[in-house]
């Protein structure tokens, strides 16, 4: 098994957290628009700024295979520091994709859309139209916290990621709403990681917080 860790930091939103050399990772890649961003254990891939940083960061999150040839990958939010490695091969055995469910009490993507619509940072997003469309297409219930994603880069996992990014580019950066549609379209539903804790409280990462 080969295993790549990947994160994306754009617009100075986060710092890059160092990796302990003892961690069992084949490669650690940070995709960024900052040529000065470095930290122990990481290889940086610098991209020219294009549009809004929060949207540019979605590409490595949703299609990590564009940045690595490894069969397996772990995406972590830029606010996280990796402290141990997950059982990625076991976790992705069923569908190629594994994630935590949402941890704030909401269990349906439509409930998350309703909650997000009340937040100032999402005021520009057309949640009501997105929800109506997804319901008309038969997207079932489910809500995932997308700060940690374990993948095996199968054909259908790639379809999921490509679809997810397309939906984000169409509807906006609240990617927890479009994630279930990508699952529905690709018929690729994640294995739950909830037995290990939550996306911000698990054995593998420590939440360090965002700069912005």
C-alpha atoms as a PDB file:
ATOM      1  CA  UNK A   1       0.000   0.000   0.000  1.00  0.00           C
ATOM      2  CA  UNK A   2       1.151   3.510  -0.817  1.00  0.00           C
ATOM      3  CA  UNK A   3      -0.318   6.455   1.022  1.00  0.00           C
ATOM      4  CA  UNK A   4      -0.253  10.218   0.409  1.00  0.00           C
ATOM      5  CA  UNK A   5      -1.329  12.922   2.831  1.00  0.00           C
ATOM      6  CA  UNK A   6      -2.724  16.024   1.141  1.00  0.00           C
ATOM      7  CA  UNK A   7      -3.980  19.421   2.214  1.00  0.00           C
ATOM      8  CA  UNK A   8      -4.651  22.763   0.545  1.00  0.00           C
ATOM      9  CA  UNK A   9      -3.922  26.228   1.937  1.00  0.00           C
ATOM     10  CA  UNK A  10      -4.846  29.299  -0.091  1.00  0.00           C
ATOM     11  CA  UNK A  11      -5.197  32.974   0.703  1.00  0.00           C
ATOM     12  CA  UNK A  12      -3.234  32.743   3.967  1.00  0.00           C
ATOM     13  CA  UNK A  13      -6.143  30.976   5.628  1.00  0.00           C
ATOM     14  CA  UNK A  14      -3.982  28.506   7.585  1.00  0.00           C
ATOM     15  CA  UNK A  15      -0.439  27.720   8.623  1.00  0.00           C
ATOM     16  CA  UNK A  16       1.202  24.476   7.519  1.00  0.00           C
ATOM     17  CA  UNK A  17       1.740  22.220  10.509  1.00  0.00           C
ATOM     18  CA  UNK A  18       4.965  20.157  10.725  1.00  0.00           C
ATOM     19  CA  UNK A  19       4.887  16.380  10.509  1.00  0.00           C
ATOM     20  CA  UNK A  20       6.721  14.092  12.871  1.00  0.00           C
ATOM     21  CA  UNK A  21       9.287  12.062  10.891  1.00  0.00           C
ATOM     22  CA  UNK A  22       8.066   8.866  12.568  1.00  0.00           C
ATOM     23  CA  UNK A  23       4.665   9.073  10.849  1.00  0.00           C
ATOM     24  CA  UNK A  24       4.121   6.301   8.298  1.00  0.00           C
ATOM     25  CA  UNK A  25       3.401   8.425   5.241  1.00  0.00           C
ATOM     26  CA  UNK A  26       4.845   7.869   1.783  1.00  0.00           C
ATOM     27  CA  UNK A  27       4.311  11.469   0.710  1.00  0.00           C
ATOM     28  CA  UNK A  28       2.814  14.665   2.168  1.00  0.00           C
ATOM     29  CA  UNK A  29       1.653  17.327  -0.287  1.00  0.00           C
ATOM     30  CA  UNK A  30       0.392  20.829   0.427  1.00  0.00           C
ATOM     31  CA  UNK A  31      -1.166  22.631  -2.537  1.00  0.00           C
ATOM     32  CA  UNK A  32      -0.958  26.377  -2.025  1.00  0.00           C
ATOM     33  CA  UNK A  33      -0.739  29.789  -3.643  1.00  0.00           C
ATOM     34  CA  UNK A  34       2.035  30.862  -1.228  1.00  0.00           C
ATOM     35  CA  UNK A  35       5.578  30.074  -2.455  1.00  0.00           C
ATOM     36  CA  UNK A  36       6.951  30.805   1.021  1.00  0.00           C
ATOM     37  CA  UNK A  37       4.755  28.261   2.806  1.00  0.00           C
ATOM     38  CA  UNK A  38       6.881  25.404   4.181  1.00  0.00           C
ATOM     39  CA  UNK A  39       6.915  22.980   7.102  1.00  0.00           C
ATOM     40  CA  UNK A  40       8.865  19.877   8.061  1.00  0.00           C
ATOM     41  CA  UNK A  41       7.786  16.769   6.187  1.00  0.00           C
ATOM     42  CA  UNK A  42       5.781  18.501   3.461  1.00  0.00           C
ATOM     43  CA  UNK A  43       6.303  18.989  -0.264  1.00  0.00           C
ATOM     44  CA  UNK A  44       4.520  22.082  -1.525  1.00  0.00           C
ATOM     45  CA  UNK A  45       2.873  22.448  -4.911  1.00  0.00           C
ATOM     46  CA  UNK A  46       2.482  26.140  -5.705  1.00  0.00           C
ATOM     47  CA  UNK A  47      -0.350  27.257  -7.978  1.00  0.00           C
ATOM     48  CA  UNK A  48      -1.011  30.733  -9.296  1.00  0.00           C
ATOM     49  CA  UNK A  49      -3.927  32.452  -7.531  1.00  0.00           C
ATOM     50  CA  UNK A  50      -7.126  32.001  -9.524  1.00  0.00           C
ATOM     51  CA  UNK A  51     -10.363  33.517  -8.301  1.00  0.00           C
ATOM     52  CA  UNK A  52     -11.475  33.044  -4.702  1.00  0.00           C
ATOM     53  CA  UNK A  53      -8.977  31.133  -2.522  1.00  0.00           C
ATOM     54  CA  UNK A  54     -11.714  29.088  -0.830  1.00  0.00           C
ATOM     55  CA  UNK A  55     -12.798  27.745  -4.220  1.00  0.00           C
ATOM     56  CA  UNK A  56      -9.263  27.138  -5.467  1.00  0.00           C
ATOM     57  CA  UNK A  57      -8.599  24.971  -2.403  1.00  0.00           C
ATOM     58  CA  UNK A  58     -11.407  22.599  -3.423  1.00  0.00           C
ATOM     59  CA  UNK A  59      -9.480  21.071  -6.334  1.00  0.00           C
ATOM     60  CA  UNK A  60      -6.860  19.192  -4.267  1.00  0.00           C
ATOM     61  CA  UNK A  61      -9.543  18.353  -1.703  1.00  0.00           C
ATOM     62  CA  UNK A  62     -11.837  16.737  -4.234  1.00  0.00           C
ATOM     63  CA  UNK A  63      -9.336  15.363  -6.754  1.00  0.00           C
ATOM     64  CA  UNK A  64      -6.135  14.478  -4.862  1.00  0.00           C
ATOM     65  CA  UNK A  65      -5.046  12.061  -7.615  1.00  0.00           C
ATOM     66  CA  UNK A  66      -4.115  15.103  -9.706  1.00  0.00           C
ATOM     67  CA  UNK A  67      -1.236  15.686  -7.281  1.00  0.00           C
ATOM     68  CA  UNK A  68      -0.055  12.183  -6.407  1.00  0.00           C
ATOM     69  CA  UNK A  69       0.358   8.773  -8.024  1.00  0.00           C
ATOM     70  CA  UNK A  70      -0.243   6.902  -4.768  1.00  0.00           C
ATOM     71  CA  UNK A  71      -3.180   4.523  -4.624  1.00  0.00           C
ATOM     72  CA  UNK A  72      -4.488   5.818  -1.289  1.00  0.00           C
ATOM     73  CA  UNK A  73      -4.800   9.341   0.086  1.00  0.00           C
ATOM     74  CA  UNK A  74      -5.866  11.134   3.229  1.00  0.00           C
ATOM     75  CA  UNK A  75      -7.168  14.693   2.935  1.00  0.00           C
ATOM     76  CA  UNK A  76      -6.970  16.881   6.050  1.00  0.00           C
ATOM     77  CA  UNK A  77      -8.232  20.409   6.545  1.00  0.00           C
ATOM     78  CA  UNK A  78      -5.498  23.046   6.744  1.00  0.00           C
ATOM     79  CA  UNK A  79      -6.422  23.729  10.374  1.00  0.00           C
ATOM     80  CA  UNK A  80      -5.431  20.180  11.354  1.00  0.00           C
ATOM     81  CA  UNK A  81      -2.124  18.637  12.348  1.00  0.00           C
ATOM     82  CA  UNK A  82      -1.577  14.943  11.737  1.00  0.00           C
ATOM     83  CA  UNK A  83      -0.321  13.066  14.804  1.00  0.00           C
ATOM     84  CA  UNK A  84      -0.919   9.439  13.761  1.00  0.00           C
ATOM     85  CA  UNK A  85      -1.981   7.571  10.664  1.00  0.00           C
ATOM     86  CA  UNK A  86      -5.400   5.938  10.121  1.00  0.00           C
ATOM     87  CA  UNK A  87      -6.103   2.370   8.955  1.00  0.00           C
ATOM     88  CA  UNK A  88      -6.728   3.722   5.476  1.00  0.00           C
ATOM     89  CA  UNK A  89      -6.668   0.410   3.598  1.00  0.00           C
ATOM     90  CA  UNK A  90      -9.240  -1.159   5.929  1.00  0.00           C
ATOM     91  CA  UNK A  91     -11.421   1.964   6.075  1.00  0.00           C
ATOM     92  CA  UNK A  92     -11.697   2.261   2.283  1.00  0.00           C
ATOM     93  CA  UNK A  93     -12.128  -1.440   1.584  1.00  0.00           C
ATOM     94  CA  UNK A  94     -15.907  -1.298   1.045  1.00  0.00           C
ATOM     95  CA  UNK A  95     -16.397   1.670  -1.315  1.00  0.00           C
ATOM     96  CA  UNK A  96     -13.013   3.362  -1.679  1.00  0.00           C
ATOM     97  CA  UNK A  97     -14.190   6.353   0.384  1.00  0.00           C
ATOM     98  CA  UNK A  98     -14.455   6.957   4.144  1.00  0.00           C
ATOM     99  CA  UNK A  99     -15.506  10.001   6.179  1.00  0.00           C
ATOM    100  CA  UNK A 100     -16.972  11.139   9.476  1.00  0.00           C
ATOM    101  CA  UNK A 101     -20.651  12.035   9.640  1.00  0.00           C
ATOM    102  CA  UNK A 102     -21.564  15.538  10.771  1.00  0.00           C
ATOM    103  CA  UNK A 103     -21.013  16.152  14.461  1.00  0.00           C
ATOM    104  CA  UNK A 104     -23.270  19.142  15.247  1.00  0.00           C
ATOM    105  CA  UNK A 105     -26.531  17.222  15.555  1.00  0.00           C
ATOM    106  CA  UNK A 106     -27.697  17.629  11.966  1.00  0.00           C
ATOM    107  CA  UNK A 107     -28.008  14.419   9.963  1.00  0.00           C
ATOM    108  CA  UNK A 108     -29.467  15.551   6.633  1.00  0.00           C
ATOM    109  CA  UNK A 109     -27.830  17.722   3.993  1.00  0.00           C
ATOM    110  CA  UNK A 110     -31.053  19.741   3.635  1.00  0.00           C
ATOM    111  CA  UNK A 111     -30.920  20.630   7.350  1.00  0.00           C
ATOM    112  CA  UNK A 112     -27.323  21.723   6.888  1.00  0.00           C
ATOM    113  CA  UNK A 113     -28.375  23.897   3.950  1.00  0.00           C
ATOM    114  CA  UNK A 114     -31.088  25.534   6.074  1.00  0.00           C
ATOM    115  CA  UNK A 115     -28.588  26.199   8.868  1.00  0.00           C
ATOM    116  CA  UNK A 116     -25.929  27.497   6.465  1.00  0.00           C
ATOM    117  CA  UNK A 117     -28.409  29.894   4.856  1.00  0.00           C
ATOM    118  CA  UNK A 118     -28.497  31.805   8.134  1.00  0.00           C
ATOM    119  CA  UNK A 119     -24.722  32.371   8.218  1.00  0.00           C
ATOM    120  CA  UNK A 120     -23.364  35.637   6.862  1.00  0.00           C
ATOM    121  CA  UNK A 121     -20.464  33.951   5.054  1.00  0.00           C
ATOM    122  CA  UNK A 122     -22.906  31.914   2.961  1.00  0.00           C
ATOM    123  CA  UNK A 123     -25.502  34.629   2.357  1.00  0.00           C
ATOM    124  CA  UNK A 124     -24.656  34.769  -1.350  1.00  0.00           C
ATOM    125  CA  UNK A 125     -25.292  31.065  -2.007  1.00  0.00           C
ATOM    126  CA  UNK A 126     -28.569  29.798  -3.588  1.00  0.00           C
ATOM    127  CA  UNK A 127     -29.303  27.032  -1.093  1.00  0.00           C
ATOM    128  CA  UNK A 128     -33.055  26.899  -1.706  1.00  0.00           C
ATOM    129  CA  UNK A 129     -32.623  26.201  -5.430  1.00  0.00           C
ATOM    130  CA  UNK A 130     -29.891  23.659  -4.747  1.00  0.00           C
ATOM    131  CA  UNK A 131     -32.050  21.813  -2.209  1.00  0.00           C
ATOM    132  CA  UNK A 132     -35.083  21.751  -4.512  1.00  0.00           C
ATOM    133  CA  UNK A 133     -33.005  20.320  -7.336  1.00  0.00           C
ATOM    134  CA  UNK A 134     -31.328  17.651  -5.234  1.00  0.00           C
ATOM    135  CA  UNK A 135     -34.659  16.537  -3.743  1.00  0.00           C
ATOM    136  CA  UNK A 136     -36.202  16.327  -7.212  1.00  0.00           C
ATOM    137  CA  UNK A 137     -33.312  14.093  -8.277  1.00  0.00           C
ATOM    138  CA  UNK A 138     -33.878  11.746  -5.354  1.00  0.00           C
ATOM    139  CA  UNK A 139     -30.733  12.481  -3.346  1.00  0.00           C
ATOM    140  CA  UNK A 140     -31.179  10.564  -0.114  1.00  0.00           C
ATOM    141  CA  UNK A 141     -30.406  11.610   3.466  1.00  0.00           C
ATOM    142  CA  UNK A 142     -26.920  11.869   4.863  1.00  0.00           C
ATOM    143  CA  UNK A 143     -24.438  14.481   5.999  1.00  0.00           C
ATOM    144  CA  UNK A 144     -20.689  14.171   6.212  1.00  0.00           C
ATOM    145  CA  UNK A 145     -18.007  16.302   7.831  1.00  0.00           C
ATOM    146  CA  UNK A 146     -15.531  16.729   4.995  1.00  0.00           C
ATOM    147  CA  UNK A 147     -12.441  17.890   6.916  1.00  0.00           C
ATOM    148  CA  UNK A 148     -10.952  14.388   6.795  1.00  0.00           C
ATOM    149  CA  UNK A 149     -11.407  12.111   3.794  1.00  0.00           C
ATOM    150  CA  UNK A 150      -9.804   8.715   3.255  1.00  0.00           C
ATOM    151  CA  UNK A 151      -9.727   7.428  -0.313  1.00  0.00           C
ATOM    152  CA  UNK A 152      -8.601   4.629  -2.522  1.00  0.00           C
ATOM    153  CA  UNK A 153      -8.366   6.170  -5.983  1.00  0.00           C
ATOM    154  CA  UNK A 154     -10.768   3.848  -7.783  1.00  0.00           C
ATOM    155  CA  UNK A 155     -12.629   4.813 -10.935  1.00  0.00           C
ATOM    156  CA  UNK A 156     -15.861   5.543  -9.056  1.00  0.00           C
ATOM    157  CA  UNK A 157     -14.091   7.528  -6.334  1.00  0.00           C
ATOM    158  CA  UNK A 158     -12.646   9.672  -9.117  1.00  0.00           C
ATOM    159  CA  UNK A 159     -16.135  10.132 -10.588  1.00  0.00           C
ATOM    160  CA  UNK A 160     -17.323  11.162  -7.128  1.00  0.00           C
ATOM    161  CA  UNK A 161     -14.561  13.749  -6.771  1.00  0.00           C
ATOM    162  CA  UNK A 162     -15.025  15.185 -10.243  1.00  0.00           C
ATOM    163  CA  UNK A 163     -18.777  15.467  -9.698  1.00  0.00           C
ATOM    164  CA  UNK A 164     -18.303  17.051  -6.284  1.00  0.00           C
ATOM    165  CA  UNK A 165     -15.977  19.716  -7.657  1.00  0.00           C
ATOM    166  CA  UNK A 166     -18.351  20.433 -10.537  1.00  0.00           C
ATOM    167  CA  UNK A 167     -21.199  20.967  -8.074  1.00  0.00           C
ATOM    168  CA  UNK A 168     -19.091  23.284  -5.911  1.00  0.00           C
ATOM    169  CA  UNK A 169     -18.155  25.366  -8.941  1.00  0.00           C
ATOM    170  CA  UNK A 170     -21.842  25.564  -9.836  1.00  0.00           C
ATOM    171  CA  UNK A 171     -23.431  26.111  -6.412  1.00  0.00           C
ATOM    172  CA  UNK A 172     -20.696  27.447  -4.145  1.00  0.00           C
ATOM    173  CA  UNK A 173     -18.203  26.556  -1.464  1.00  0.00           C
ATOM    174  CA  UNK A 174     -20.482  24.884   1.116  1.00  0.00           C
ATOM    175  CA  UNK A 175     -19.292  21.473   0.000  1.00  0.00           C
ATOM    176  CA  UNK A 176     -21.149  19.464   2.649  1.00  0.00           C
ATOM    177  CA  UNK A 177     -24.346  20.142   0.689  1.00  0.00           C
ATOM    178  CA  UNK A 178     -22.970  18.944  -2.648  1.00  0.00           C
ATOM    179  CA  UNK A 179     -21.080  15.930  -1.235  1.00  0.00           C
ATOM    180  CA  UNK A 180     -24.240  13.746  -0.949  1.00  0.00           C
ATOM    181  CA  UNK A 181     -25.216  14.591  -4.520  1.00  0.00           C
ATOM    182  CA  UNK A 182     -21.793  13.387  -5.687  1.00  0.00           C
ATOM    183  CA  UNK A 183     -22.404  10.176  -3.720  1.00  0.00           C
ATOM    184  CA  UNK A 184     -25.826   9.792  -5.336  1.00  0.00           C
ATOM    185  CA  UNK A 185     -24.508  10.424  -8.843  1.00  0.00           C
ATOM    186  CA  UNK A 186     -21.463   8.142  -8.537  1.00  0.00           C
ATOM    187  CA  UNK A 187     -23.210   5.513  -6.383  1.00  0.00           C
ATOM    188  CA  UNK A 188     -20.232   5.806  -4.037  1.00  0.00           C
ATOM    189  CA  UNK A 189     -21.223   6.277  -0.400  1.00  0.00           C
ATOM    190  CA  UNK A 190     -18.533   6.651   2.267  1.00  0.00           C
ATOM    191  CA  UNK A 191     -17.845   4.191   5.021  1.00  0.00           C
ATOM    192  CA  UNK A 192     -18.414   5.920   8.360  1.00  0.00           C
ATOM    193  CA  UNK A 193     -15.378   6.683  10.523  1.00  0.00           C
ATOM    194  CA  UNK A 194     -17.541   7.555  13.527  1.00  0.00           C
ATOM    195  CA  UNK A 195     -16.261   4.599  15.556  1.00  0.00           C
ATOM    196  CA  UNK A 196     -12.981   6.541  15.811  1.00  0.00           C
ATOM    197  CA  UNK A 197     -14.607   9.746  17.137  1.00  0.00           C
ATOM    198  CA  UNK A 198     -15.444  12.918  15.205  1.00  0.00           C
ATOM    199  CA  UNK A 199     -13.760  14.974  12.527  1.00  0.00           C
ATOM    200  CA  UNK A 200     -12.303  17.286  15.198  1.00  0.00           C
ATOM    201  CA  UNK A 201     -11.790  14.659  17.903  1.00  0.00           C
ATOM    202  CA  UNK A 202     -10.070  11.511  16.664  1.00  0.00           C
ATOM    203  CA  UNK A 203      -6.770   9.633  17.168  1.00  0.00           C
ATOM    204  CA  UNK A 204      -5.147  10.960  13.991  1.00  0.00           C
ATOM    205  CA  UNK A 205      -5.437  14.742  13.992  1.00  0.00           C
ATOM    206  CA  UNK A 206      -5.393  17.729  16.326  1.00  0.00           C
ATOM    207  CA  UNK A 207      -7.503  20.771  15.461  1.00  0.00           C
ATOM    208  CA  UNK A 208      -5.268  23.865  15.577  1.00  0.00           C
ATOM    209  CA  UNK A 209      -7.766  26.382  14.210  1.00  0.00           C
ATOM    210  CA  UNK A 210      -7.785  28.727  11.216  1.00  0.00           C
ATOM    211  CA  UNK A 211      -5.943  32.039  10.933  1.00  0.00           C
ATOM    212  CA  UNK A 212      -9.010  33.662   9.375  1.00  0.00           C
END
